[in-house]
Amino acid sequence: MKIAIGSDHRGLDLKEVLILYLQKNGHQVEDYGAYSSESCDYPKIAIKVGRAVAKKKVEKGILICGSGLGMTMAASSVKGVRAANCLNLSLARFSREHNDSNVLVFGAMYVDGKLAKRITGKWLKTSFAGGRHERRVKMFS
């Protein structure tokens, strides 16, 4: 699977952990930044990843910032993006099954590398359930 990934300066370390995890599991990863620990404007990165997903240049996106909130809001401003800030396996599963999320977001202050890898694995393996959920997703997509 081709996956776009991006972070701000606060998510940089977790982004590097996830890039290695994704590559080890056979995924192609496109890194949209940040590339240093210098403070940066996270909306620019979130929108780049969101546009790559919306235009189908990649199949999925992953974003990381301090809380996960800013990246979720910025990415979701791109039409066709359904970003989900997931702090646990259950949220990751429901975000895919019920909401067909296409961008996974992490708050680096709340999720460590080990948990982020588990959440990412669950998110990537979970399919959209469709049915009544499809009608609802169409209402906001």
C-alpha atoms as a PDB file:
ATOM      1  CA  MET A   1       0.000   0.000   0.000  1.00  0.00           C
ATOM      2  CA  LYS A   2       1.185   3.519  -0.745  1.00  0.00           C
ATOM      3  CA  ILE A   3       0.930   5.730   2.356  1.00  0.00           C
ATOM      4  CA  ALA A   4       1.628   9.453   2.802  1.00  0.00           C
ATOM      5  CA  ILE A   5       2.990  10.448   6.199  1.00  0.00           C
ATOM      6  CA  GLY A   6       3.651  13.816   7.776  1.00  0.00           C
ATOM      7  CA  SER A   7       4.293  15.399  11.122  1.00  0.00           C
ATOM      8  CA  ASP A   8       5.096  18.672  12.737  1.00  0.00           C
ATOM      9  CA  HIS A   9       8.254  19.130  14.809  1.00  0.00           C
ATOM     10  CA  ARG A  10       6.619  17.525  17.874  1.00  0.00           C
ATOM     11  CA  GLY A  11       5.688  14.384  15.967  1.00  0.00           C
ATOM     12  CA  LEU A  12       9.003  13.920  14.183  1.00  0.00           C
ATOM     13  CA  ASP A  13      10.340  11.071  16.353  1.00  0.00           C
ATOM     14  CA  LEU A  14       7.095   9.098  16.188  1.00  0.00           C
ATOM     15  CA  LYS A  15       6.955   9.653  12.423  1.00  0.00           C
ATOM     16  CA  GLU A  16      10.379   8.043  12.030  1.00  0.00           C
ATOM     17  CA  VAL A  17       9.257   5.031  14.095  1.00  0.00           C
ATOM     18  CA  LEU A  18       6.160   4.619  11.923  1.00  0.00           C
ATOM     19  CA  ILE A  19       8.050   4.989   8.642  1.00  0.00           C
ATOM     20  CA  LEU A  20      10.317   2.087   9.610  1.00  0.00           C
ATOM     21  CA  TYR A  21       7.330   0.022  10.786  1.00  0.00           C
ATOM     22  CA  LEU A  22       5.402   0.634   7.561  1.00  0.00           C
ATOM     23  CA  GLN A  23       8.377  -0.128   5.328  1.00  0.00           C
ATOM     24  CA  LYS A  24       9.147  -3.298   7.298  1.00  0.00           C
ATOM     25  CA  ASN A  25       5.560  -4.389   6.621  1.00  0.00           C
ATOM     26  CA  GLY A  26       5.883  -3.872   2.867  1.00  0.00           C
ATOM     27  CA  HIS A  27       4.291  -0.462   2.458  1.00  0.00           C
ATOM     28  CA  GLN A  28       5.609   2.310   0.237  1.00  0.00           C
ATOM     29  CA  VAL A  29       5.889   5.531   2.267  1.00  0.00           C
ATOM     30  CA  GLU A  30       5.968   9.113   1.008  1.00  0.00           C
ATOM     31  CA  ASP A  31       7.286  11.517   3.656  1.00  0.00           C
ATOM     32  CA  TYR A  32       5.720  15.004   3.454  1.00  0.00           C
ATOM     33  CA  GLY A  33       7.743  16.493   6.340  1.00  0.00           C
ATOM     34  CA  ALA A  34       8.631  17.869   8.794  1.00  0.00           C
ATOM     35  CA  TYR A  35      12.260  17.003   8.364  1.00  0.00           C
ATOM     36  CA  SER A  36      13.735  18.704  11.442  1.00  0.00           C
ATOM     37  CA  SER A  37      12.815  19.526  15.026  1.00  0.00           C
ATOM     38  CA  GLU A  38      12.539  23.221  14.150  1.00  0.00           C
ATOM     39  CA  SER A  39       9.055  24.638  14.764  1.00  0.00           C
ATOM     40  CA  CYS A  40       6.834  24.469  11.673  1.00  0.00           C
ATOM     41  CA  ASP A  41       3.279  25.180  10.548  1.00  0.00           C
ATOM     42  CA  TYR A  42       1.474  21.836  10.801  1.00  0.00           C
ATOM     43  CA  PRO A  43      -1.544  22.847   8.624  1.00  0.00           C
ATOM     44  CA  LYS A  44       0.675  23.009   5.530  1.00  0.00           C
ATOM     45  CA  ILE A  45       1.814  19.420   6.051  1.00  0.00           C
ATOM     46  CA  ALA A  46      -1.669  18.148   6.932  1.00  0.00           C
ATOM     47  CA  ILE A  47      -3.130  19.716   3.802  1.00  0.00           C
ATOM     48  CA  LYS A  48      -0.381  18.224   1.594  1.00  0.00           C
ATOM     49  CA  VAL A  49      -1.049  14.747   2.978  1.00  0.00           C
ATOM     50  CA  GLY A  50      -4.796  15.302   2.744  1.00  0.00           C
ATOM     51  CA  ARG A  51      -4.583  16.364  -0.893  1.00  0.00           C
ATOM     52  CA  ALA A  52      -2.447  13.333  -1.750  1.00  0.00           C
ATOM     53  CA  VAL A  53      -5.136  11.092  -0.243  1.00  0.00           C
ATOM     54  CA  ALA A  54      -8.055  12.973  -1.803  1.00  0.00           C
ATOM     55  CA  LYS A  55      -6.431  12.943  -5.260  1.00  0.00           C
ATOM     56  CA  LYS A  56      -5.652   9.218  -4.821  1.00  0.00           C
ATOM     57  CA  LYS A  57      -1.896   9.690  -5.235  1.00  0.00           C
ATOM     58  CA  VAL A  58      -1.702   7.469  -2.143  1.00  0.00           C
ATOM     59  CA  GLU A  59      -4.179   5.052  -0.581  1.00  0.00           C
ATOM     60  CA  LYS A  60      -3.982   6.322   2.995  1.00  0.00           C
ATOM     61  CA  GLY A  61      -2.356   9.032   5.092  1.00  0.00           C
ATOM     62  CA  ILE A  62      -0.869   9.261   8.571  1.00  0.00           C
ATOM     63  CA  LEU A  63      -0.262  12.506  10.456  1.00  0.00           C
ATOM     64  CA  ILE A  64       1.369  13.251  13.807  1.00  0.00           C
ATOM     65  CA  CYS A  65       1.484  16.397  15.924  1.00  0.00           C
ATOM     66  CA  GLY A  66       1.624  17.053  19.661  1.00  0.00           C
ATOM     67  CA  SER A  67      -2.053  16.468  20.467  1.00  0.00           C
ATOM     68  CA  GLY A  68      -3.345  15.132  17.158  1.00  0.00           C
ATOM     69  CA  LEU A  69      -6.111  17.714  17.213  1.00  0.00           C
ATOM     70  CA  GLY A  70      -4.625  20.329  14.896  1.00  0.00           C
ATOM     71  CA  MET A  71      -3.596  17.806  12.260  1.00  0.00           C
ATOM     72  CA  THR A  72      -7.058  16.218  12.372  1.00  0.00           C
ATOM     73  CA  MET A  73      -8.784  19.547  11.845  1.00  0.00           C
ATOM     74  CA  ALA A  74      -6.420  20.709   9.102  1.00  0.00           C
ATOM     75  CA  ALA A  75      -6.515  17.436   7.154  1.00  0.00           C
ATOM     76  CA  SER A  76     -10.299  17.191   7.434  1.00  0.00           C
ATOM     77  CA  SER A  77     -10.594  20.599   5.772  1.00  0.00           C
ATOM     78  CA  VAL A  78      -9.606  18.879   2.498  1.00  0.00           C
ATOM     79  CA  LYS A  79     -12.697  17.589   0.661  1.00  0.00           C
ATOM     80  CA  GLY A  80     -12.675  13.802   0.616  1.00  0.00           C
ATOM     81  CA  VAL A  81     -10.513  13.409   3.709  1.00  0.00           C
ATOM     82  CA  ARG A  82     -11.863  11.688   6.781  1.00  0.00           C
ATOM     83  CA  ALA A  83      -9.147  12.096   9.403  1.00  0.00           C
ATOM     84  CA  ALA A  84      -9.369  10.272  12.726  1.00  0.00           C
ATOM     85  CA  ASN A  85      -7.306  11.024  15.819  1.00  0.00           C
ATOM     86  CA  CYS A  86      -6.935   7.570  17.373  1.00  0.00           C
ATOM     87  CA  LEU A  87      -5.599   6.999  20.867  1.00  0.00           C
ATOM     88  CA  ASN A  88      -6.371   3.282  21.072  1.00  0.00           C
ATOM     89  CA  LEU A  89      -7.178   0.170  19.045  1.00  0.00           C
ATOM     90  CA  SER A  90     -10.927   0.523  19.451  1.00  0.00           C
ATOM     91  CA  LEU A  91     -10.991   4.039  18.003  1.00  0.00           C
ATOM     92  CA  ALA A  92      -8.837   2.886  15.092  1.00  0.00           C
ATOM     93  CA  ARG A  93     -11.201   0.009  14.337  1.00  0.00           C
ATOM     94  CA  PHE A  94     -14.368   2.129  14.554  1.00  0.00           C
ATOM     95  CA  SER A  95     -12.829   4.937  12.510  1.00  0.00           C
ATOM     96  CA  ARG A  96     -12.378   2.460   9.651  1.00  0.00           C
ATOM     97  CA  GLU A  97     -15.461   0.236  10.104  1.00  0.00           C
ATOM     98  CA  HIS A  98     -18.007   3.000  10.663  1.00  0.00           C
ATOM     99  CA  ASN A  99     -16.425   6.155   9.223  1.00  0.00           C
ATOM    100  CA  ASP A 100     -14.135   4.887   6.446  1.00  0.00           C
ATOM    101  CA  SER A 101     -11.311   7.077   7.740  1.00  0.00           C
ATOM    102  CA  ASN A 102      -8.534   7.542   5.206  1.00  0.00           C
ATOM    103  CA  VAL A 103      -6.101   9.553   7.347  1.00  0.00           C
ATOM    104  CA  LEU A 104      -4.925   8.288  10.737  1.00  0.00           C
ATOM    105  CA  VAL A 105      -3.752  10.935  13.195  1.00  0.00           C
ATOM    106  CA  PHE A 106      -1.672  10.598  16.347  1.00  0.00           C
ATOM    107  CA  GLY A 107      -0.917  12.905  19.229  1.00  0.00           C
ATOM    108  CA  ALA A 108       2.719  12.233  20.085  1.00  0.00           C
ATOM    109  CA  MET A 109       2.107  13.436  23.653  1.00  0.00           C
ATOM    110  CA  TYR A 110      -0.394  10.603  24.178  1.00  0.00           C
ATOM    111  CA  VAL A 111       0.745   7.675  22.011  1.00  0.00           C
ATOM    112  CA  ASP A 112       4.197   6.091  22.154  1.00  0.00           C
ATOM    113  CA  GLY A 113       5.879   4.180  19.330  1.00  0.00           C
ATOM    114  CA  LYS A 114       4.810   0.733  20.489  1.00  0.00           C
ATOM    115  CA  LEU A 115       1.138   1.677  20.749  1.00  0.00           C
ATOM    116  CA  ALA A 116       1.253   3.706  17.517  1.00  0.00           C
ATOM    117  CA  LYS A 117       2.487   0.653  15.620  1.00  0.00           C
ATOM    118  CA  ARG A 118      -0.321  -1.494  17.049  1.00  0.00           C
ATOM    119  CA  ILE A 119      -2.938   1.148  16.233  1.00  0.00           C
ATOM    120  CA  THR A 120      -1.557   1.595  12.713  1.00  0.00           C
ATOM    121  CA  GLY A 121      -1.644  -2.159  12.099  1.00  0.00           C
ATOM    122  CA  LYS A 122      -5.258  -2.403  13.295  1.00  0.00           C
ATOM    123  CA  TRP A 123      -6.271   0.647  11.225  1.00  0.00           C
ATOM    124  CA  LEU A 124      -4.673  -0.675   8.035  1.00  0.00           C
ATOM    125  CA  LYS A 125      -6.208  -4.155   8.428  1.00  0.00           C
ATOM    126  CA  THR A 126      -9.740  -2.981   9.215  1.00  0.00           C
ATOM    127  CA  SER A 127     -12.189  -2.642   6.337  1.00  0.00           C
ATOM    128  CA  PHE A 128     -15.094  -0.240   5.982  1.00  0.00           C
ATOM    129  CA  ALA A 129     -18.336  -2.024   6.916  1.00  0.00           C
ATOM    130  CA  GLY A 130     -20.474  -0.097   4.425  1.00  0.00           C
ATOM    131  CA  GLY A 131     -24.225  -0.631   4.776  1.00  0.00           C
ATOM    132  CA  ARG A 132     -25.925   1.989   6.933  1.00  0.00           C
ATOM    133  CA  HIS A 133     -22.510   3.544   7.587  1.00  0.00           C
ATOM    134  CA  GLU A 134     -21.970   4.276   3.892  1.00  0.00           C
ATOM    135  CA  ARG A 135     -25.083   6.464   3.761  1.00  0.00           C
ATOM    136  CA  ARG A 136     -23.860   8.422   6.784  1.00  0.00           C
ATOM    137  CA  VAL A 137     -20.318   8.844   5.489  1.00  0.00           C
ATOM    138  CA  LYS A 138     -21.700  10.261   2.236  1.00  0.00           C
ATOM    139  CA  MET A 139     -23.461  12.946   4.276  1.00  0.00           C
ATOM    140  CA  PHE A 140     -20.147  14.494   5.324  1.00  0.00           C
ATOM    141  CA  SER A 141     -17.696  13.445   2.606  1.00  0.00           C
END
